[in-house]
Structure formats: structure tokens, C-alpha cells
Amino acid sequence: MVAMPTVGAVDIYQGCTGTETNALCGSKGDDANKFIKTLVDTLLFILGAISVLVIIIAGIMYATSGGEAANIKRAKDMLMYAIIGLVVALLAYAIVNFVLTQVGK
């Protein structure tokens, strides 16, 4: 005779003592940390893509400036601000990850 599985509502948190590390015994804070991390990762990806695009545009502007000082300065400023923005975004990413790991302990 084969045992048939039963189907019904199950309390997934039943029996969790707080020391388990499996997905069924996670805490509500883990969900918030995952959401924040996913949001920051997504925003960093978008910012990185925009920064690369601005760096390419600044390079094209610099190459096609024709030696005009105003156009060269404008292209160099765009390049500098794109790199500064990327560095600030990476530092923000590092800070958010540090805070989330400290809170998650």
C-alpha cells in the first residue's frame, strides 16, 4: 500500500526557534534587507549604465571639439562629473552593504 500525501494549510513558521538559518525560519527583517539590497543594486546598475553613456558622449565631444577651448572644457567637465558620480555611487553601495550586514547580525 502506497502512502498518499496530504494537502492542507501549513504554518511555515511553526517550530522555528530563531536559531535556524533556512528560508522557512527567516525573519521579517531579512525581507526588508533583501528589498533594500535589490533596490540599491538596481539603482547602481542604472547609474553605472548612465555614467558609461555620459563618458562615451564626453569622449565623442572631446574628439570632435575641433580644438575649441570651450568645447574641450565642456567635454572634460562632463567626463570628470561622470567619474565623480560613479565613485560616489560605489561608495554609497559600500556603505549600504556595510550597514545591512551590521543590522543583519
PDB file of N, CA and C in Angstrom:
ATOM      1  N   MET A   1       0.843  -1.171   0.000  1.00  0.00           N
ATOM      2  CA  MET A   1       0.000   0.000   0.000  1.00  0.00           C
ATOM      3  C   MET A   1       0.899   1.249   0.000  1.00  0.00           C
ATOM      4  N   VAL A   2       0.574   2.215  -0.863  1.00  0.00           N
ATOM      5  CA  VAL A   2       1.359   3.443  -1.003  1.00  0.00           C
ATOM      6  C   VAL A   2       0.716   4.542  -0.160  1.00  0.00           C
ATOM      7  N   ALA A   3       1.557   5.248   0.588  1.00  0.00           N
ATOM      8  CA  ALA A   3       1.051   6.348   1.412  1.00  0.00           C
ATOM      9  C   ALA A   3       0.765   7.545   0.522  1.00  0.00           C
ATOM     10  N   MET A   4      -0.388   8.119   0.647  1.00  0.00           N
ATOM     11  CA  MET A   4      -0.776   9.278  -0.145  1.00  0.00           C
ATOM     12  C   MET A   4      -0.448  10.552   0.637  1.00  0.00           C
ATOM     13  N   PRO A   5       0.153  11.536  -0.015  1.00  0.00           N
ATOM     14  CA  PRO A   5       0.452  12.788   0.683  1.00  0.00           C
ATOM     15  C   PRO A   5      -0.836  13.557   0.977  1.00  0.00           C
ATOM     16  N   THR A   6      -0.829  14.257   2.075  1.00  0.00           N
ATOM     17  CA  THR A   6      -1.987  15.079   2.426  1.00  0.00           C
ATOM     18  C   THR A   6      -1.728  16.517   2.019  1.00  0.00           C
ATOM     19  N   VAL A   7      -2.786  17.220   1.718  1.00  0.00           N
ATOM     20  CA  VAL A   7      -2.692  18.607   1.297  1.00  0.00           C
ATOM     21  C   VAL A   7      -3.470  19.447   2.288  1.00  0.00           C
ATOM     22  N   GLY A   8      -2.879  20.529   2.719  1.00  0.00           N
ATOM     23  CA  GLY A   8      -3.575  21.413   3.643  1.00  0.00           C
ATOM     24  C   GLY A   8      -2.729  22.635   3.938  1.00  0.00           C
ATOM     25  N   ALA A   9      -3.278  23.540   4.694  1.00  0.00           N
ATOM     26  CA  ALA A   9      -2.553  24.748   5.075  1.00  0.00           C
ATOM     27  C   ALA A   9      -1.485  24.384   6.099  1.00  0.00           C
ATOM     28  N   VAL A  10      -0.299  24.935   5.926  1.00  0.00           N
ATOM     29  CA  VAL A  10       0.806  24.639   6.812  1.00  0.00           C
ATOM     30  C   VAL A  10       1.361  25.952   7.340  1.00  0.00           C
ATOM     31  N   ASP A  11       1.584  26.001   8.646  1.00  0.00           N
ATOM     32  CA  ASP A  11       2.221  27.168   9.243  1.00  0.00           C
ATOM     33  C   ASP A  11       3.722  27.018   9.061  1.00  0.00           C
ATOM     34  N   ILE A  12       4.303  27.807   8.135  1.00  0.00           N
ATOM     35  CA  ILE A  12       5.712  27.623   7.820  1.00  0.00           C
ATOM     36  C   ILE A  12       6.616  28.086   8.953  1.00  0.00           C
ATOM     37  N   TYR A  13       6.129  28.903   9.874  1.00  0.00           N
ATOM     38  CA  TYR A  13       6.953  29.361  10.989  1.00  0.00           C
ATOM     39  C   TYR A  13       6.813  28.468  12.212  1.00  0.00           C
ATOM     40  N   GLN A  14       5.991  27.443  12.125  1.00  0.00           N
ATOM     41  CA  GLN A  14       5.779  26.545  13.252  1.00  0.00           C
ATOM     42  C   GLN A  14       7.084  25.824  13.564  1.00  0.00           C
ATOM     43  N   GLY A  15       7.489  25.895  14.806  1.00  0.00           N
ATOM     44  CA  GLY A  15       8.676  25.181  15.230  1.00  0.00           C
ATOM     45  C   GLY A  15       9.964  25.953  15.049  1.00  0.00           C
ATOM     46  N   CYS A  16       9.930  27.157  14.545  1.00  0.00           N
ATOM     47  CA  CYS A  16      11.147  27.941  14.386  1.00  0.00           C
ATOM     48  C   CYS A  16      11.535  28.519  15.743  1.00  0.00           C
ATOM     49  N   THR A  17      12.787  28.301  16.112  1.00  0.00           N
ATOM     50  CA  THR A  17      13.253  28.778  17.411  1.00  0.00           C
ATOM     51  C   THR A  17      14.074  30.050  17.306  1.00  0.00           C
ATOM     52  N   GLY A  18      14.391  30.462  16.093  1.00  0.00           N
ATOM     53  CA  GLY A  18      15.185  31.671  15.909  1.00  0.00           C
ATOM     54  C   GLY A  18      16.645  31.370  15.642  1.00  0.00           C
ATOM     55  N   THR A  19      17.065  30.119  15.804  1.00  0.00           N
ATOM     56  CA  THR A  19      18.463  29.772  15.549  1.00  0.00           C
ATOM     57  C   THR A  19      18.648  29.124  14.189  1.00  0.00           C
ATOM     58  N   GLU A  20      17.559  28.834  13.477  1.00  0.00           N
ATOM     59  CA  GLU A  20      17.654  28.201  12.170  1.00  0.00           C
ATOM     60  C   GLU A  20      18.119  29.208  11.123  1.00  0.00           C
ATOM     61  N   THR A  21      18.752  28.692  10.092  1.00  0.00           N
ATOM     62  CA  THR A  21      19.217  29.546   9.004  1.00  0.00           C
ATOM     63  C   THR A  21      18.516  29.227   7.700  1.00  0.00           C
ATOM     64  N   ASN A  22      17.508  28.369   7.714  1.00  0.00           N
ATOM     65  CA  ASN A  22      16.838  28.030   6.465  1.00  0.00           C
ATOM     66  C   ASN A  22      15.810  29.096   6.089  1.00  0.00           C
ATOM     67  N   ALA A  23      15.312  29.004   4.872  1.00  0.00           N
ATOM     68  CA  ALA A  23      14.406  30.031   4.351  1.00  0.00           C
ATOM     69  C   ALA A  23      13.062  30.038   5.062  1.00  0.00           C
ATOM     70  N   LEU A  24      12.642  28.890   5.593  1.00  0.00           N
ATOM     71  CA  LEU A  24      11.336  28.821   6.235  1.00  0.00           C
ATOM     72  C   LEU A  24      11.309  29.520   7.582  1.00  0.00           C
ATOM     73  N   CYS A  25      12.454  29.673   8.204  1.00  0.00           N
ATOM     74  CA  CYS A  25      12.503  30.273   9.533  1.00  0.00           C
ATOM     75  C   CYS A  25      13.130  31.660   9.500  1.00  0.00           C
ATOM     76  N   GLY A  26      13.084  32.330   8.360  1.00  0.00           N
ATOM     77  CA  GLY A  26      13.643  33.671   8.242  1.00  0.00           C
ATOM     78  C   GLY A  26      12.824  34.673   9.020  1.00  0.00           C
ATOM     79  N   SER A  27      13.354  35.862   9.175  1.00  0.00           N
ATOM     80  CA  SER A  27      12.638  36.899   9.911  1.00  0.00           C
ATOM     81  C   SER A  27      12.139  37.960   8.938  1.00  0.00           C
ATOM     82  N   LYS A  28      11.273  38.817   9.435  1.00  0.00           N
ATOM     83  CA  LYS A  28      10.738  39.898   8.594  1.00  0.00           C
ATOM     84  C   LYS A  28      11.837  40.868   8.194  1.00  0.00           C
ATOM     85  N   GLY A  29      12.845  41.058   9.055  1.00  0.00           N
ATOM     86  CA  GLY A  29      13.951  41.956   8.744  1.00  0.00           C
ATOM     87  C   GLY A  29      14.752  41.491   7.544  1.00  0.00           C
ATOM     88  N   ASP A  30      14.829  40.175   7.353  1.00  0.00           N
ATOM     89  CA  ASP A  30      15.549  39.653   6.200  1.00  0.00           C
ATOM     90  C   ASP A  30      14.894  40.094   4.904  1.00  0.00           C
ATOM     91  N   ASP A  31      13.555  40.128   4.890  1.00  0.00           N
ATOM     92  CA  ASP A  31      12.840  40.570   3.693  1.00  0.00           C
ATOM     93  C   ASP A  31      13.141  42.029   3.384  1.00  0.00           C
ATOM     94  N   ALA A  32      13.166  42.865   4.413  1.00  0.00           N
ATOM     95  CA  ALA A  32      13.466  44.286   4.217  1.00  0.00           C
ATOM     96  C   ALA A  32      14.900  44.464   3.735  1.00  0.00           C
ATOM     97  N   ASN A  33      15.836  43.723   4.317  1.00  0.00           N
ATOM     98  CA  ASN A  33      17.232  43.811   3.889  1.00  0.00           C
ATOM     99  C   ASN A  33      17.389  43.383   2.440  1.00  0.00           C
ATOM    100  N   LYS A  34      16.697  42.308   2.047  1.00  0.00           N
ATOM    101  CA  LYS A  34      16.772  41.845   0.661  1.00  0.00           C
ATOM    102  C   LYS A  34      16.182  42.876  -0.289  1.00  0.00           C
ATOM    103  N   PHE A  35      15.074  43.506   0.111  1.00  0.00           N
ATOM    104  CA  PHE A  35      14.451  44.521  -0.733  1.00  0.00           C
ATOM    105  C   PHE A  35      15.379  45.719  -0.907  1.00  0.00           C
ATOM    106  N   ILE A  36      15.967  46.186   0.185  1.00  0.00           N
ATOM    107  CA  ILE A  36      16.870  47.337   0.116  1.00  0.00           C
ATOM    108  C   ILE A  36      18.080  47.000  -0.741  1.00  0.00           C
ATOM    109  N   LYS A  37      18.644  45.820  -0.549  1.00  0.00           N
ATOM    110  CA  LYS A  37      19.810  45.410  -1.328  1.00  0.00           C
ATOM    111  C   LYS A  37      19.460  45.318  -2.813  1.00  0.00           C
ATOM    112  N   THR A  38      18.308  44.749  -3.129  1.00  0.00           N
ATOM    113  CA  THR A  38      17.889  44.656  -4.533  1.00  0.00           C
ATOM    114  C   THR A  38      17.664  46.039  -5.130  1.00  0.00           C
ATOM    115  N   LEU A  39      17.046  46.928  -4.369  1.00  0.00           N
ATOM    116  CA  LEU A  39      16.809  48.287  -4.847  1.00  0.00           C
ATOM    117  C   LEU A  39      18.128  49.012  -5.107  1.00  0.00           C
ATOM    118  N   VAL A  40      19.066  48.915  -4.169  1.00  0.00           N
ATOM    119  CA  VAL A  40      20.368  49.583  -4.332  1.00  0.00           C
ATOM    120  C   VAL A  40      21.129  48.981  -5.512  1.00  0.00           C
ATOM    121  N   ASP A  41      21.093  47.661  -5.661  1.00  0.00           N
ATOM    122  CA  ASP A  41      21.766  47.025  -6.798  1.00  0.00           C
ATOM    123  C   ASP A  41      21.184  47.494  -8.122  1.00  0.00           C
ATOM    124  N   THR A  42      19.868  47.603  -8.188  1.00  0.00           N
ATOM    125  CA  THR A  42      19.209  48.056  -9.414  1.00  0.00           C
ATOM    126  C   THR A  42      19.572  49.502  -9.735  1.00  0.00           C
ATOM    127  N   LEU A  43      19.510  50.356  -8.715  1.00  0.00           N
ATOM    128  CA  LEU A  43      19.855  51.764  -8.936  1.00  0.00           C
ATOM    129  C   LEU A  43      21.323  51.923  -9.324  1.00  0.00           C
ATOM    130  N   LEU A  44      22.198  51.119  -8.718  1.00  0.00           N
ATOM    131  CA  LEU A  44      23.616  51.193  -9.065  1.00  0.00           C
ATOM    132  C   LEU A  44      23.838  50.746 -10.508  1.00  0.00           C
ATOM    133  N   PHE A  45      23.123  49.727 -10.946  1.00  0.00           N
ATOM    134  CA  PHE A  45      23.233  49.281 -12.331  1.00  0.00           C
ATOM    135  C   PHE A  45      22.799  50.381 -13.292  1.00  0.00           C
ATOM    136  N   ILE A  46      21.674  51.022 -12.992  1.00  0.00           N
ATOM    137  CA  ILE A  46      21.171  52.102 -13.847  1.00  0.00           C
ATOM    138  C   ILE A  46      22.160  53.267 -13.865  1.00  0.00           C
ATOM    139  N   LEU A  47      22.664  53.628 -12.692  1.00  0.00           N
ATOM    140  CA  LEU A  47      23.629  54.727 -12.619  1.00  0.00           C
ATOM    141  C   LEU A  47      24.913  54.390 -13.367  1.00  0.00           C
ATOM    142  N   GLY A  48      25.362  53.156 -13.258  1.00  0.00           N
ATOM    143  CA  GLY A  48      26.558  52.741 -13.982  1.00  0.00           C
ATOM    144  C   GLY A  48      26.369  52.820 -15.476  1.00  0.00           C
ATOM    145  N   ALA A  49      25.207  52.393 -15.944  1.00  0.00           N
ATOM    146  CA  ALA A  49      24.926  52.465 -17.380  1.00  0.00           C
ATOM    147  C   ALA A  49      24.874  53.911 -17.857  1.00  0.00           C
ATOM    148  N   ILE A  50      24.251  54.768 -17.069  1.00  0.00           N
ATOM    149  CA  ILE A  50      24.184  56.192 -17.433  1.00  0.00           C
ATOM    150  C   ILE A  50      25.576  56.808 -17.427  1.00  0.00           C
ATOM    151  N   SER A  51      26.393  56.462 -16.428  1.00  0.00           N
ATOM    152  CA  SER A  51      27.753  57.004 -16.358  1.00  0.00           C
ATOM    153  C   SER A  51      28.584  56.581 -17.562  1.00  0.00           C
ATOM    154  N   VAL A  52      28.489  55.334 -17.952  1.00  0.00           N
ATOM    155  CA  VAL A  52      29.229  54.867 -19.127  1.00  0.00           C
ATOM    156  C   VAL A  52      28.756  55.616 -20.370  1.00  0.00           C
ATOM    157  N   LEU A  53      27.467  55.822 -20.495  1.00  0.00           N
ATOM    158  CA  LEU A  53      26.936  56.563 -21.630  1.00  0.00           C
ATOM    159  C   LEU A  53      27.457  58.006 -21.648  1.00  0.00           C
ATOM    160  N   VAL A  54      27.471  58.653 -20.480  1.00  0.00           N
ATOM    161  CA  VAL A  54      27.975  60.031 -20.406  1.00  0.00           C
ATOM    162  C   VAL A  54      29.465  60.077 -20.712  1.00  0.00           C
ATOM    163  N   ILE A  55      30.235  59.086 -20.252  1.00  0.00           N
ATOM    164  CA  ILE A  55      31.669  59.041 -20.543  1.00  0.00           C
ATOM    165  C   ILE A  55      31.894  58.885 -22.046  1.00  0.00           C
ATOM    166  N   ILE A  56      31.103  58.053 -22.699  1.00  0.00           N
ATOM    167  CA  ILE A  56      31.229  57.889 -24.157  1.00  0.00           C
ATOM    168  C   ILE A  56      30.878  59.191 -24.876  1.00  0.00           C
ATOM    169  N   ILE A  57      29.801  59.833 -24.447  1.00  0.00           N
ATOM    170  CA  ILE A  57      29.405  61.098 -25.074  1.00  0.00           C
ATOM    171  C   ILE A  57      30.484  62.161 -24.863  1.00  0.00           C
ATOM    172  N   ALA A  58      31.058  62.210 -23.651  1.00  0.00           N
ATOM    173  CA  ALA A  58      32.124  63.182 -23.380  1.00  0.00           C
ATOM    174  C   ALA A  58      33.344  62.909 -24.247  1.00  0.00           C
ATOM    175  N   GLY A  59      33.662  61.643 -24.457  1.00  0.00           N
ATOM    176  CA  GLY A  59      34.787  61.288 -25.331  1.00  0.00           C
ATOM    177  C   GLY A  59      34.547  61.714 -26.765  1.00  0.00           C
ATOM    178  N   ILE A  60      33.331  61.509 -27.238  1.00  0.00           N
ATOM    179  CA  ILE A  60      32.989  61.928 -28.609  1.00  0.00           C
ATOM    180  C   ILE A  60      33.046  63.452 -28.710  1.00  0.00           C
ATOM    181  N   MET A  61      32.519  64.132 -27.688  1.00  0.00           N
ATOM    182  CA  MET A  61      32.568  65.599 -27.705  1.00  0.00           C
ATOM    183  C   MET A  61      34.007  66.104 -27.703  1.00  0.00           C
ATOM    184  N   TYR A  62      34.865  65.439 -26.929  1.00  0.00           N
ATOM    185  CA  TYR A  62      36.273  65.842 -26.861  1.00  0.00           C
ATOM    186  C   TYR A  62      36.966  65.619 -28.206  1.00  0.00           C
ATOM    187  N   ALA A  63      36.653  64.483 -28.827  1.00  0.00           N
ATOM    188  CA  ALA A  63      37.293  64.161 -30.109  1.00  0.00           C
ATOM    189  C   ALA A  63      36.808  65.067 -31.231  1.00  0.00           C
ATOM    190  N   THR A  64      35.595  65.541 -31.142  1.00  0.00           N
ATOM    191  CA  THR A  64      35.047  66.386 -32.208  1.00  0.00           C
ATOM    192  C   THR A  64      35.039  67.866 -31.846  1.00  0.00           C
ATOM    193  N   SER A  65      35.790  68.237 -30.821  1.00  0.00           N
ATOM    194  CA  SER A  65      35.786  69.632 -30.362  1.00  0.00           C
ATOM    195  C   SER A  65      36.456  70.576 -31.358  1.00  0.00           C
ATOM    196  N   GLY A  66      37.302  70.046 -32.193  1.00  0.00           N
ATOM    197  CA  GLY A  66      37.961  70.881 -33.195  1.00  0.00           C
ATOM    198  C   GLY A  66      38.940  71.870 -32.594  1.00  0.00           C
ATOM    199  N   GLY A  67      39.421  71.612 -31.406  1.00  0.00           N
ATOM    200  CA  GLY A  67      40.401  72.486 -30.776  1.00  0.00           C
ATOM    201  C   GLY A  67      39.815  73.702 -30.091  1.00  0.00           C
ATOM    202  N   GLU A  68      38.495  73.848 -30.070  1.00  0.00           N
ATOM    203  CA  GLU A  68      37.877  74.982 -29.388  1.00  0.00           C
ATOM    204  C   GLU A  68      37.948  74.761 -27.879  1.00  0.00           C
ATOM    205  N   ALA A  69      38.468  75.759 -27.201  1.00  0.00           N
ATOM    206  CA  ALA A  69      38.694  75.634 -25.764  1.00  0.00           C
ATOM    207  C   ALA A  69      37.399  75.417 -24.977  1.00  0.00           C
ATOM    208  N   ALA A  70      36.331  76.062 -25.371  1.00  0.00           N
ATOM    209  CA  ALA A  70      35.062  75.937 -24.648  1.00  0.00           C
ATOM    210  C   ALA A  70      34.508  74.518 -24.760  1.00  0.00           C
ATOM    211  N   ASN A  71      34.597  73.941 -25.963  1.00  0.00           N
ATOM    212  CA  ASN A  71      34.095  72.577 -26.154  1.00  0.00           C
ATOM    213  C   ASN A  71      34.963  71.546 -25.430  1.00  0.00           C
ATOM    214  N   ILE A  72      36.273  71.784 -25.427  1.00  0.00           N
ATOM    215  CA  ILE A  72      37.177  70.876 -24.716  1.00  0.00           C
ATOM    216  C   ILE A  72      36.883  70.918 -23.218  1.00  0.00           C
ATOM    217  N   LYS A  73      36.702  72.134 -22.676  1.00  0.00           N
ATOM    218  CA  LYS A  73      36.409  72.262 -21.248  1.00  0.00           C
ATOM    219  C   LYS A  73      35.084  71.596 -20.901  1.00  0.00           C
ATOM    220  N   ARG A  74      34.093  71.767 -21.754  1.00  0.00           N
ATOM    221  CA  ARG A  74      32.786  71.158 -21.511  1.00  0.00           C
ATOM    222  C   ARG A  74      32.883  69.629 -21.506  1.00  0.00           C
ATOM    223  N   ALA A  75      33.628  69.057 -22.447  1.00  0.00           N
ATOM    224  CA  ALA A  75      33.799  67.603 -22.518  1.00  0.00           C
ATOM    225  C   ALA A  75      34.572  67.092 -21.306  1.00  0.00           C
ATOM    226  N   LYS A  76      35.608  67.801 -20.896  1.00  0.00           N
ATOM    227  CA  LYS A  76      36.389  67.383 -19.725  1.00  0.00           C
ATOM    228  C   LYS A  76      35.548  67.456 -18.454  1.00  0.00           C
ATOM    229  N   ASP A  77      34.729  68.498 -18.339  1.00  0.00           N
ATOM    230  CA  ASP A  77      33.849  68.612 -17.164  1.00  0.00           C
ATOM    231  C   ASP A  77      32.831  67.472 -17.123  1.00  0.00           C
ATOM    232  N   MET A  78      32.263  67.145 -18.278  1.00  0.00           N
ATOM    233  CA  MET A  78      31.319  66.022 -18.326  1.00  0.00           C
ATOM    234  C   MET A  78      31.984  64.728 -17.884  1.00  0.00           C
ATOM    235  N   LEU A  79      33.184  64.505 -18.363  1.00  0.00           N
ATOM    236  CA  LEU A  79      33.923  63.301 -18.011  1.00  0.00           C
ATOM    237  C   LEU A  79      34.228  63.264 -16.515  1.00  0.00           C
ATOM    238  N   MET A  80      34.672  64.388 -15.983  1.00  0.00           N
ATOM    239  CA  MET A  80      35.008  64.454 -14.567  1.00  0.00           C
ATOM    240  C   MET A  80      33.773  64.221 -13.696  1.00  0.00           C
ATOM    241  N   TYR A  81      32.666  64.834 -14.033  1.00  0.00           N
ATOM    242  CA  TYR A  81      31.451  64.684 -13.227  1.00  0.00           C
ATOM    243  C   TYR A  81      30.873  63.273 -13.327  1.00  0.00           C
ATOM    244  N   ALA A  82      31.005  62.646 -14.486  1.00  0.00           N
ATOM    245  CA  ALA A  82      30.534  61.269 -14.632  1.00  0.00           C
ATOM    246  C   ALA A  82      31.355  60.332 -13.760  1.00  0.00           C
ATOM    247  N   ILE A  83      32.658  60.531 -13.730  1.00  0.00           N
ATOM    248  CA  ILE A  83      33.527  59.680 -12.905  1.00  0.00           C
ATOM    249  C   ILE A  83      33.286  59.941 -11.423  1.00  0.00           C
ATOM    250  N   ILE A  84      33.135  61.204 -11.035  1.00  0.00           N
ATOM    251  CA  ILE A  84      32.843  61.524  -9.629  1.00  0.00           C
ATOM    252  C   ILE A  84      31.509  60.911  -9.213  1.00  0.00           C
ATOM    253  N   GLY A  85      30.504  60.993 -10.053  1.00  0.00           N
ATOM    254  CA  GLY A  85      29.207  60.398  -9.751  1.00  0.00           C
ATOM    255  C   GLY A  85      29.301  58.891  -9.585  1.00  0.00           C
ATOM    256  N   LEU A  86      30.095  58.246 -10.425  1.00  0.00           N
ATOM    257  CA  LEU A  86      30.273  56.802 -10.332  1.00  0.00           C
ATOM    258  C   LEU A  86      30.989  56.422  -9.036  1.00  0.00           C
ATOM    259  N   VAL A  87      31.992  57.192  -8.652  1.00  0.00           N
ATOM    260  CA  VAL A  87      32.713  56.924  -7.400  1.00  0.00           C
ATOM    261  C   VAL A  87      31.787  57.118  -6.198  1.00  0.00           C
ATOM    262  N   VAL A  88      30.994  58.183  -6.210  1.00  0.00           N
ATOM    263  CA  VAL A  88      30.047  58.421  -5.114  1.00  0.00           C
ATOM    264  C   VAL A  88      29.023  57.287  -5.033  1.00  0.00           C
ATOM    265  N   ALA A  89      28.558  56.815  -6.177  1.00  0.00           N
ATOM    266  CA  ALA A  89      27.597  55.710  -6.186  1.00  0.00           C
ATOM    267  C   ALA A  89      28.225  54.435  -5.630  1.00  0.00           C
ATOM    268  N   LEU A  90      29.463  54.158  -5.980  1.00  0.00           N
ATOM    269  CA  LEU A  90      30.135  52.972  -5.452  1.00  0.00           C
ATOM    270  C   LEU A  90      30.347  53.079  -3.947  1.00  0.00           C
ATOM    271  N   LEU A  91      30.689  54.270  -3.469  1.00  0.00           N
ATOM    272  CA  LEU A  91      30.835  54.466  -2.026  1.00  0.00           C
ATOM    273  C   LEU A  91      29.494  54.300  -1.318  1.00  0.00           C
ATOM    274  N   ALA A  92      28.426  54.808  -1.913  1.00  0.00           N
ATOM    275  CA  ALA A  92      27.098  54.642  -1.325  1.00  0.00           C
ATOM    276  C   ALA A  92      26.721  53.164  -1.278  1.00  0.00           C
ATOM    277  N   TYR A  93      27.048  52.427  -2.328  1.00  0.00           N
ATOM    278  CA  TYR A  93      26.794  50.990  -2.358  1.00  0.00           C
ATOM    279  C   TYR A  93      27.539  50.280  -1.231  1.00  0.00           C
ATOM    280  N   ALA A  94      28.801  50.641  -1.046  1.00  0.00           N
ATOM    281  CA  ALA A  94      29.595  50.025   0.015  1.00  0.00           C
ATOM    282  C   ALA A  94      29.024  50.351   1.392  1.00  0.00           C
ATOM    283  N   ILE A  95      28.598  51.585   1.583  1.00  0.00           N
ATOM    284  CA  ILE A  95      28.031  51.986   2.876  1.00  0.00           C
ATOM    285  C   ILE A  95      26.728  51.246   3.150  1.00  0.00           C
ATOM    286  N   VAL A  96      25.859  51.160   2.149  1.00  0.00           N
ATOM    287  CA  VAL A  96      24.582  50.460   2.335  1.00  0.00           C
ATOM    288  C   VAL A  96      24.820  48.986   2.655  1.00  0.00           C
ATOM    289  N   ASN A  97      25.740  48.346   1.936  1.00  0.00           N
ATOM    290  CA  ASN A  97      26.027  46.940   2.215  1.00  0.00           C
ATOM    291  C   ASN A  97      26.618  46.764   3.606  1.00  0.00           C
ATOM    292  N   PHE A  98      27.474  47.666   4.029  1.00  0.00           N
ATOM    293  CA  PHE A  98      28.056  47.587   5.371  1.00  0.00           C
ATOM    294  C   PHE A  98      26.965  47.710   6.429  1.00  0.00           C
ATOM    295  N   VAL A  99      26.085  48.683   6.265  1.00  0.00           N
ATOM    296  CA  VAL A  99      25.012  48.882   7.238  1.00  0.00           C
ATOM    297  C   VAL A  99      24.081  47.677   7.274  1.00  0.00           C
ATOM    298  N   LEU A 100      23.720  47.142   6.112  1.00  0.00           N
ATOM    299  CA  LEU A 100      22.824  45.992   6.077  1.00  0.00           C
ATOM    300  C   LEU A 100      23.449  44.757   6.722  1.00  0.00           C
ATOM    301  N   THR A 101      24.747  44.562   6.547  1.00  0.00           N
ATOM    302  CA  THR A 101      25.382  43.404   7.190  1.00  0.00           C
ATOM    303  C   THR A 101      25.497  43.611   8.694  1.00  0.00           C
ATOM    304  N   GLN A 102      25.693  44.841   9.136  1.00  0.00           N
ATOM    305  CA  GLN A 102      25.765  45.099  10.586  1.00  0.00           C
ATOM    306  C   GLN A 102      24.396  44.956  11.239  1.00  0.00           C
ATOM    307  N   VAL A 103      23.350  45.388  10.553  1.00  0.00           N
ATOM    308  CA  VAL A 103      21.997  45.277  11.083  1.00  0.00           C
ATOM    309  C   VAL A 103      21.534  43.834  11.046  1.00  0.00           C
ATOM    310  N   GLY A 104      21.975  43.088  10.051  1.00  0.00           N
ATOM    311  CA  GLY A 104      21.553  41.707   9.880  1.00  0.00           C
ATOM    312  C   GLY A 104      22.134  40.754  10.903  1.00  0.00           C
ATOM    313  N   LYS A 105      23.139  41.178  11.666  1.00  0.00           N
ATOM    314  CA  LYS A 105      23.766  40.284  12.651  1.00  0.00           C
ATOM    315  C   LYS A 105      22.903  40.076  13.849  1.00  0.00           C
TER     316      LYS A 105
END
